[in-house]
Amino acid sequence: MRQKLPSMIRVKVPLDLHAVSQGGSGAFALATPLRIRDLLGFAVREAIGTRAPGDKFSRTVHRTLAGLCAGDFTVDVNGRTFADPDAVVVCEGSVDIRFFLSQRRRIAPNRK
């Protein structure tokens, strides 16, 4: 029996308190600019769980970033598509992250 995979990963966006205190602007308390690579780290942590070992987390983030850089998939963040891990997106509260494969994978038929 195949498990249904979730269609998205919802991650909470941390506040950048340093930017708020240094800049004196409350705008950073409402919206936080983050690189896609950081959001992917949050998504991996959400997907594998907080109790997963640190080395598993590091390997998974590394493989995810390598796949994004290789063009294996794109990332959709609240309706905007990104293929560059260094792109910056402004987030507030939480974001919905979806992964889209660049090519459709061929699945072998079930054999009994």
N, C-alpha and C. Protein backbone atom coordinates (compact mmCIF):
# COMPACT_ATOMS: atom_id res chain seq x y z
N MET A 1 0.84 -1.18 0.00
CA MET A 1 0.00 0.00 0.00
C MET A 1 0.88 1.24 0.00
N ARG A 2 0.60 2.15 -0.90
CA ARG A 2 1.40 3.38 -1.00
C ARG A 2 0.83 4.43 -0.07
N GLN A 3 1.73 5.12 0.61
CA GLN A 3 1.31 6.22 1.46
C GLN A 3 1.14 7.47 0.62
N LYS A 4 0.14 8.24 0.93
CA LYS A 4 -0.06 9.50 0.24
C LYS A 4 0.89 10.53 0.83
N LEU A 5 1.69 11.14 -0.03
CA LEU A 5 2.63 12.15 0.42
C LEU A 5 1.93 13.49 0.56
N PRO A 6 2.35 14.31 1.50
CA PRO A 6 1.71 15.61 1.65
C PRO A 6 1.98 16.48 0.43
N SER A 7 1.02 17.31 0.08
CA SER A 7 1.17 18.14 -1.12
C SER A 7 2.00 19.38 -0.85
N MET A 8 2.20 19.71 0.42
CA MET A 8 3.01 20.88 0.75
C MET A 8 3.59 20.72 2.14
N ILE A 9 4.59 21.55 2.42
CA ILE A 9 5.18 21.61 3.75
C ILE A 9 4.98 23.03 4.26
N ARG A 10 4.37 23.17 5.40
CA ARG A 10 4.15 24.50 5.99
C ARG A 10 5.20 24.70 7.08
N VAL A 11 5.96 25.80 6.96
CA VAL A 11 6.99 26.09 7.95
C VAL A 11 6.73 27.46 8.58
N LYS A 12 7.07 27.56 9.85
CA LYS A 12 6.97 28.83 10.56
C LYS A 12 8.22 29.64 10.28
N VAL A 13 8.03 30.91 10.02
CA VAL A 13 9.14 31.80 9.71
C VAL A 13 9.59 32.50 10.99
N PRO A 14 10.88 32.35 11.33
CA PRO A 14 11.36 33.02 12.55
C PRO A 14 11.50 34.53 12.32
N LEU A 15 11.31 35.28 13.38
CA LEU A 15 11.49 36.73 13.30
C LEU A 15 12.97 37.06 13.35
N ASP A 16 13.37 38.08 12.63
CA ASP A 16 14.75 38.55 12.65
C ASP A 16 14.84 39.67 13.69
N LEU A 17 14.98 39.28 14.95
CA LEU A 17 15.00 40.27 16.03
C LEU A 17 16.22 41.17 15.96
N HIS A 18 17.32 40.66 15.42
CA HIS A 18 18.52 41.49 15.28
C HIS A 18 18.26 42.64 14.32
N ALA A 19 17.59 42.36 13.20
CA ALA A 19 17.29 43.42 12.23
C ALA A 19 16.32 44.44 12.83
N VAL A 20 15.39 43.98 13.65
CA VAL A 20 14.44 44.90 14.28
C VAL A 20 15.16 45.81 15.26
N SER A 21 16.05 45.23 16.08
CA SER A 21 16.73 46.04 17.10
C SER A 21 17.78 46.96 16.48
N GLN A 22 18.51 46.50 15.47
CA GLN A 22 19.56 47.32 14.87
C GLN A 22 18.99 48.39 13.94
N GLY A 23 17.98 48.03 13.19
CA GLY A 23 17.42 48.97 12.22
C GLY A 23 16.38 49.90 12.81
N GLY A 24 15.85 49.55 13.95
CA GLY A 24 14.83 50.38 14.57
C GLY A 24 13.52 50.38 13.80
N SER A 25 13.37 49.42 12.90
CA SER A 25 12.17 49.36 12.08
C SER A 25 11.33 48.15 12.49
N GLY A 26 10.07 48.39 12.70
CA GLY A 26 9.15 47.31 13.04
C GLY A 26 8.73 46.51 11.83
N ALA A 27 9.13 46.95 10.63
CA ALA A 27 8.76 46.22 9.41
C ALA A 27 9.31 44.81 9.42
N PHE A 28 10.53 44.63 9.98
CA PHE A 28 11.12 43.31 10.01
C PHE A 28 10.43 42.39 11.02
N ALA A 29 9.65 42.96 11.91
CA ALA A 29 8.88 42.13 12.84
C ALA A 29 7.66 41.54 12.14
N LEU A 30 7.21 42.19 11.07
CA LEU A 30 6.05 41.72 10.33
C LEU A 30 6.42 40.80 9.18
N ALA A 31 7.54 41.08 8.53
CA ALA A 31 7.98 40.28 7.39
C ALA A 31 9.48 40.08 7.46
N THR A 32 9.92 38.88 7.17
CA THR A 32 11.33 38.54 7.27
C THR A 32 11.86 38.11 5.90
N PRO A 33 12.90 38.76 5.40
CA PRO A 33 13.51 38.29 4.14
C PRO A 33 14.39 37.07 4.42
N LEU A 34 14.19 36.01 3.66
CA LEU A 34 14.96 34.78 3.82
C LEU A 34 15.41 34.26 2.46
N ARG A 35 16.57 33.64 2.46
CA ARG A 35 17.04 32.96 1.25
C ARG A 35 16.30 31.63 1.12
N ILE A 36 16.13 31.19 -0.11
CA ILE A 36 15.46 29.92 -0.38
C ILE A 36 16.19 28.77 0.32
N ARG A 37 17.53 28.83 0.37
CA ARG A 37 18.29 27.76 1.04
C ARG A 37 17.91 27.65 2.51
N ASP A 38 17.63 28.78 3.16
CA ASP A 38 17.22 28.74 4.57
C ASP A 38 15.82 28.16 4.72
N LEU A 39 14.93 28.54 3.81
CA LEU A 39 13.58 27.97 3.85
C LEU A 39 13.60 26.47 3.61
N LEU A 40 14.49 26.01 2.72
CA LEU A 40 14.60 24.57 2.49
C LEU A 40 15.09 23.86 3.74
N GLY A 41 15.99 24.49 4.48
CA GLY A 41 16.43 23.91 5.75
C GLY A 41 15.28 23.77 6.72
N PHE A 42 14.43 24.79 6.80
CA PHE A 42 13.26 24.72 7.68
C PHE A 42 12.30 23.62 7.21
N ALA A 43 12.13 23.49 5.87
CA ALA A 43 11.23 22.49 5.32
C ALA A 43 11.74 21.08 5.59
N VAL A 44 13.05 20.89 5.46
CA VAL A 44 13.63 19.58 5.76
C VAL A 44 13.43 19.23 7.23
N ARG A 45 13.66 20.19 8.10
CA ARG A 45 13.48 19.95 9.54
C ARG A 45 12.03 19.58 9.82
N GLU A 46 11.10 20.25 9.18
CA GLU A 46 9.68 19.95 9.37
C GLU A 46 9.35 18.56 8.84
N ALA A 47 9.94 18.19 7.71
CA ALA A 47 9.62 16.90 7.09
C ALA A 47 10.22 15.71 7.84
N ILE A 48 11.45 15.84 8.32
CA ILE A 48 12.08 14.69 8.98
C ILE A 48 11.87 14.70 10.49
N GLY A 49 11.42 15.82 11.03
CA GLY A 49 11.11 15.89 12.45
C GLY A 49 12.25 16.49 13.27
N THR A 50 11.89 17.04 14.39
CA THR A 50 12.87 17.71 15.24
C THR A 50 13.77 16.73 15.98
N ARG A 51 13.35 15.48 16.09
CA ARG A 51 14.14 14.49 16.83
C ARG A 51 15.12 13.73 15.94
N ALA A 52 15.14 14.03 14.64
CA ALA A 52 16.06 13.36 13.73
C ALA A 52 17.50 13.76 14.07
N PRO A 53 18.44 12.84 13.90
CA PRO A 53 19.84 13.15 14.21
C PRO A 53 20.38 14.28 13.34
N GLY A 54 21.32 15.01 13.89
CA GLY A 54 21.90 16.16 13.17
C GLY A 54 22.56 15.78 11.86
N ASP A 55 23.23 14.61 11.81
CA ASP A 55 23.88 14.22 10.57
C ASP A 55 22.86 13.90 9.48
N LYS A 56 21.72 13.33 9.85
CA LYS A 56 20.67 13.06 8.86
C LYS A 56 20.11 14.38 8.33
N PHE A 57 19.92 15.33 9.22
CA PHE A 57 19.44 16.65 8.80
C PHE A 57 20.42 17.28 7.82
N SER A 58 21.71 17.26 8.15
CA SER A 58 22.73 17.87 7.29
C SER A 58 22.78 17.20 5.92
N ARG A 59 22.75 15.87 5.89
CA ARG A 59 22.78 15.14 4.62
C ARG A 59 21.55 15.47 3.78
N THR A 60 20.39 15.52 4.41
CA THR A 60 19.15 15.77 3.68
C THR A 60 19.12 17.18 3.11
N VAL A 61 19.56 18.16 3.89
CA VAL A 61 19.62 19.54 3.39
C VAL A 61 20.60 19.62 2.23
N HIS A 62 21.77 18.99 2.37
CA HIS A 62 22.78 19.01 1.31
C HIS A 62 22.24 18.41 0.02
N ARG A 63 21.58 17.25 0.13
CA ARG A 63 21.01 16.59 -1.05
C ARG A 63 19.88 17.41 -1.67
N THR A 64 19.08 18.05 -0.84
CA THR A 64 17.99 18.88 -1.35
C THR A 64 18.53 20.07 -2.11
N LEU A 65 19.53 20.75 -1.54
CA LEU A 65 20.14 21.90 -2.23
C LEU A 65 20.83 21.47 -3.52
N ALA A 66 21.49 20.31 -3.50
CA ALA A 66 22.15 19.81 -4.71
C ALA A 66 21.12 19.53 -5.81
N GLY A 67 19.97 18.97 -5.44
CA GLY A 67 18.92 18.72 -6.42
C GLY A 67 18.35 20.00 -7.00
N LEU A 68 18.19 21.02 -6.16
CA LEU A 68 17.69 22.31 -6.64
C LEU A 68 18.70 22.95 -7.59
N CYS A 69 19.98 22.93 -7.22
CA CYS A 69 21.03 23.51 -8.07
C CYS A 69 21.18 22.76 -9.39
N ALA A 70 20.95 21.45 -9.37
CA ALA A 70 21.06 20.63 -10.58
C ALA A 70 19.84 20.79 -11.49
N GLY A 71 18.80 21.44 -11.01
CA GLY A 71 17.60 21.63 -11.81
C GLY A 71 16.66 20.45 -11.79
N ASP A 72 16.83 19.55 -10.81
CA ASP A 72 15.93 18.40 -10.71
C ASP A 72 14.51 18.80 -10.34
N PHE A 73 14.37 19.91 -9.64
CA PHE A 73 13.05 20.38 -9.22
C PHE A 73 13.10 21.89 -9.00
N THR A 74 11.93 22.48 -8.89
CA THR A 74 11.80 23.88 -8.50
C THR A 74 11.01 23.92 -7.20
N VAL A 75 11.09 25.05 -6.54
CA VAL A 75 10.42 25.23 -5.25
C VAL A 75 9.38 26.33 -5.41
N ASP A 76 8.19 26.06 -4.94
CA ASP A 76 7.11 27.05 -4.95
C ASP A 76 6.91 27.52 -3.51
N VAL A 77 7.08 28.82 -3.29
CA VAL A 77 6.89 29.41 -1.96
C VAL A 77 5.73 30.38 -2.06
N ASN A 78 4.62 30.00 -1.46
CA ASN A 78 3.40 30.83 -1.47
C ASN A 78 3.04 31.31 -2.88
N GLY A 79 3.16 30.41 -3.85
CA GLY A 79 2.74 30.73 -5.21
C GLY A 79 3.82 31.29 -6.11
N ARG A 80 5.01 31.53 -5.60
CA ARG A 80 6.13 32.03 -6.41
C ARG A 80 7.14 30.90 -6.60
N THR A 81 7.59 30.71 -7.83
CA THR A 81 8.50 29.61 -8.15
C THR A 81 9.94 30.09 -8.14
N PHE A 82 10.81 29.25 -7.53
CA PHE A 82 12.23 29.58 -7.42
C PHE A 82 13.06 28.37 -7.83
N ALA A 83 14.19 28.65 -8.51
CA ALA A 83 15.14 27.60 -8.88
C ALA A 83 16.53 27.92 -8.35
N ASP A 84 16.69 29.09 -7.75
CA ASP A 84 17.99 29.53 -7.24
C ASP A 84 17.97 29.52 -5.71
N PRO A 85 18.88 28.78 -5.08
CA PRO A 85 18.88 28.72 -3.61
C PRO A 85 19.27 30.04 -2.95
N ASP A 86 19.89 30.95 -3.70
CA ASP A 86 20.29 32.23 -3.14
C ASP A 86 19.26 33.34 -3.35
N ALA A 87 18.15 33.01 -4.01
CA ALA A 87 17.08 34.00 -4.18
C ALA A 87 16.49 34.33 -2.82
N VAL A 88 16.00 35.55 -2.68
CA VAL A 88 15.44 36.02 -1.42
C VAL A 88 13.94 36.21 -1.57
N VAL A 89 13.21 35.74 -0.58
CA VAL A 89 11.76 35.91 -0.56
C VAL A 89 11.38 36.50 0.80
N VAL A 90 10.43 37.41 0.80
CA VAL A 90 9.98 38.03 2.04
C VAL A 90 8.80 37.22 2.57
N CYS A 91 8.91 36.76 3.81
CA CYS A 91 7.91 35.87 4.40
C CYS A 91 7.36 36.48 5.68
N GLU A 92 6.15 36.09 6.02
CA GLU A 92 5.58 36.49 7.30
C GLU A 92 4.81 35.32 7.90
N GLY A 93 4.97 35.14 9.19
CA GLY A 93 4.22 34.10 9.89
C GLY A 93 4.62 32.70 9.53
N SER A 94 4.04 32.18 8.46
CA SER A 94 4.38 30.85 7.96
C SER A 94 4.26 30.87 6.45
N VAL A 95 4.95 29.94 5.82
CA VAL A 95 4.91 29.84 4.35
C VAL A 95 4.60 28.41 3.96
N ASP A 96 3.99 28.26 2.79
CA ASP A 96 3.70 26.96 2.22
C ASP A 96 4.73 26.69 1.13
N ILE A 97 5.43 25.57 1.25
CA ILE A 97 6.49 25.22 0.30
C ILE A 97 6.07 23.95 -0.44
N ARG A 98 6.16 24.01 -1.76
CA ARG A 98 5.86 22.86 -2.60
C ARG A 98 7.06 22.60 -3.50
N PHE A 99 7.30 21.34 -3.80
CA PHE A 99 8.40 20.94 -4.67
C PHE A 99 7.80 20.38 -5.95
N PHE A 100 8.32 20.84 -7.10
CA PHE A 100 7.84 20.37 -8.40
C PHE A 100 9.01 19.81 -9.19
N LEU A 101 8.89 18.54 -9.61
CA LEU A 101 9.92 17.92 -10.42
C LEU A 101 10.00 18.60 -11.78
N SER A 102 11.20 18.69 -12.32
CA SER A 102 11.38 19.29 -13.64
C SER A 102 10.88 18.37 -14.74
N GLN A 103 11.03 17.06 -14.54
CA GLN A 103 10.56 16.09 -15.50
C GLN A 103 9.70 15.07 -14.79
N ARG A 104 8.73 14.56 -15.50
CA ARG A 104 7.89 13.52 -14.92
C ARG A 104 8.70 12.23 -14.86
N ARG A 105 8.67 11.58 -13.71
CA ARG A 105 9.39 10.31 -13.55
C ARG A 105 8.52 9.17 -14.04
N ARG A 106 9.15 8.26 -14.72
CA ARG A 106 8.44 7.09 -15.21
C ARG A 106 8.35 6.08 -14.07
N ILE A 107 7.17 5.62 -13.79
CA ILE A 107 6.95 4.65 -12.72
C ILE A 107 6.62 3.31 -13.37
N ALA A 108 7.35 2.28 -12.99
CA ALA A 108 7.11 0.96 -13.53
C ALA A 108 5.76 0.43 -13.07
N PRO A 109 5.07 -0.28 -13.90
CA PRO A 109 3.77 -0.85 -13.48
C PRO A 109 3.97 -1.87 -12.36
N ASN A 110 2.95 -2.01 -11.56
CA ASN A 110 3.00 -2.98 -10.46
C ASN A 110 3.07 -4.39 -11.03
N ARG A 111 4.02 -5.14 -10.53
CA ARG A 111 4.15 -6.53 -10.97
C ARG A 111 3.83 -7.44 -9.81
N LYS A 112 3.08 -8.46 -10.09
CA LYS A 112 2.70 -9.41 -9.04
C LYS A 112 3.38 -10.72 -9.22
